[in-house]
């Protein structure tokens, strides 16, 4: 049976100066290139056809949906680019991790280790205590959303833009009033809880997406090793569905948080 390679952290492939490039970061760049390619394909034809029809239908559907949520086309037009970009980016990086070759095509990196640090059968002592060469498999590609650094960055973008939009809509004084409520002790406590909730969103966003996608990729890897023919197909279909659901959850939570943060409280 072939070995199962599972690593919680993304693996470093190479460095540009002192900047490490990991396999998940490489997938992130490839996803951005894919975005740019789609933009060129869509802009090519004045009369929509093929993929342009699909893209325009999706954009129009989400645009109308966002306008309905805010009850205003002006606000919908303002927040649509951020919400739609988050949805498409999360969807693409979720699906990229399911492509053949992701996690299986890679290189073997040789690292020197002490013999006593290597795994040995129980009760068998290492015969040569000197340094030995250990070969570690490094995948070239890793689903970007299966890397906590990527999901944390997306969560920070979502929460920071929410606060910026809140300040624009309510003014700085109105923004502070969301968290500093001096009417009575209960409202003061509520304000503190809302402040804590803003930081909790970062953890919730990042770990929800990372946990779901990473667990799915581990499940697929195990199934491919144990039962490589036909059996993994239902799990692959499930992960495609999970990728869509997670993209919708991430983008629409951002949308609703922006709506709440830009709406004045009723007195």
Foldseek 3Di string as FASTA:
>chain_A
DDDFDADLAFAFDDADVPRTQTQLNVVLVVLVVVVVVVVCVLVPDPDDDDPVVVVVVVLVVVLVVLCVVLVHNVVSVVCSVVLVVLLSSLLVLLVVQLDPQASPDFAWDKDKDFQQPDDDPPPDGRPDRHIDIDIDTHRNHHRNLLHLVSQLVLQCVLLVVLLVLLCVQLNPVLLVCQQDPDPDPVVNVVSVVVVVVSVVSSVVRRCVSNVVSSVLSSVLSVCCVPPVPPPSVVSSVVSSVVSNVSSCVNSVVSSVSSSVSNDGDDD
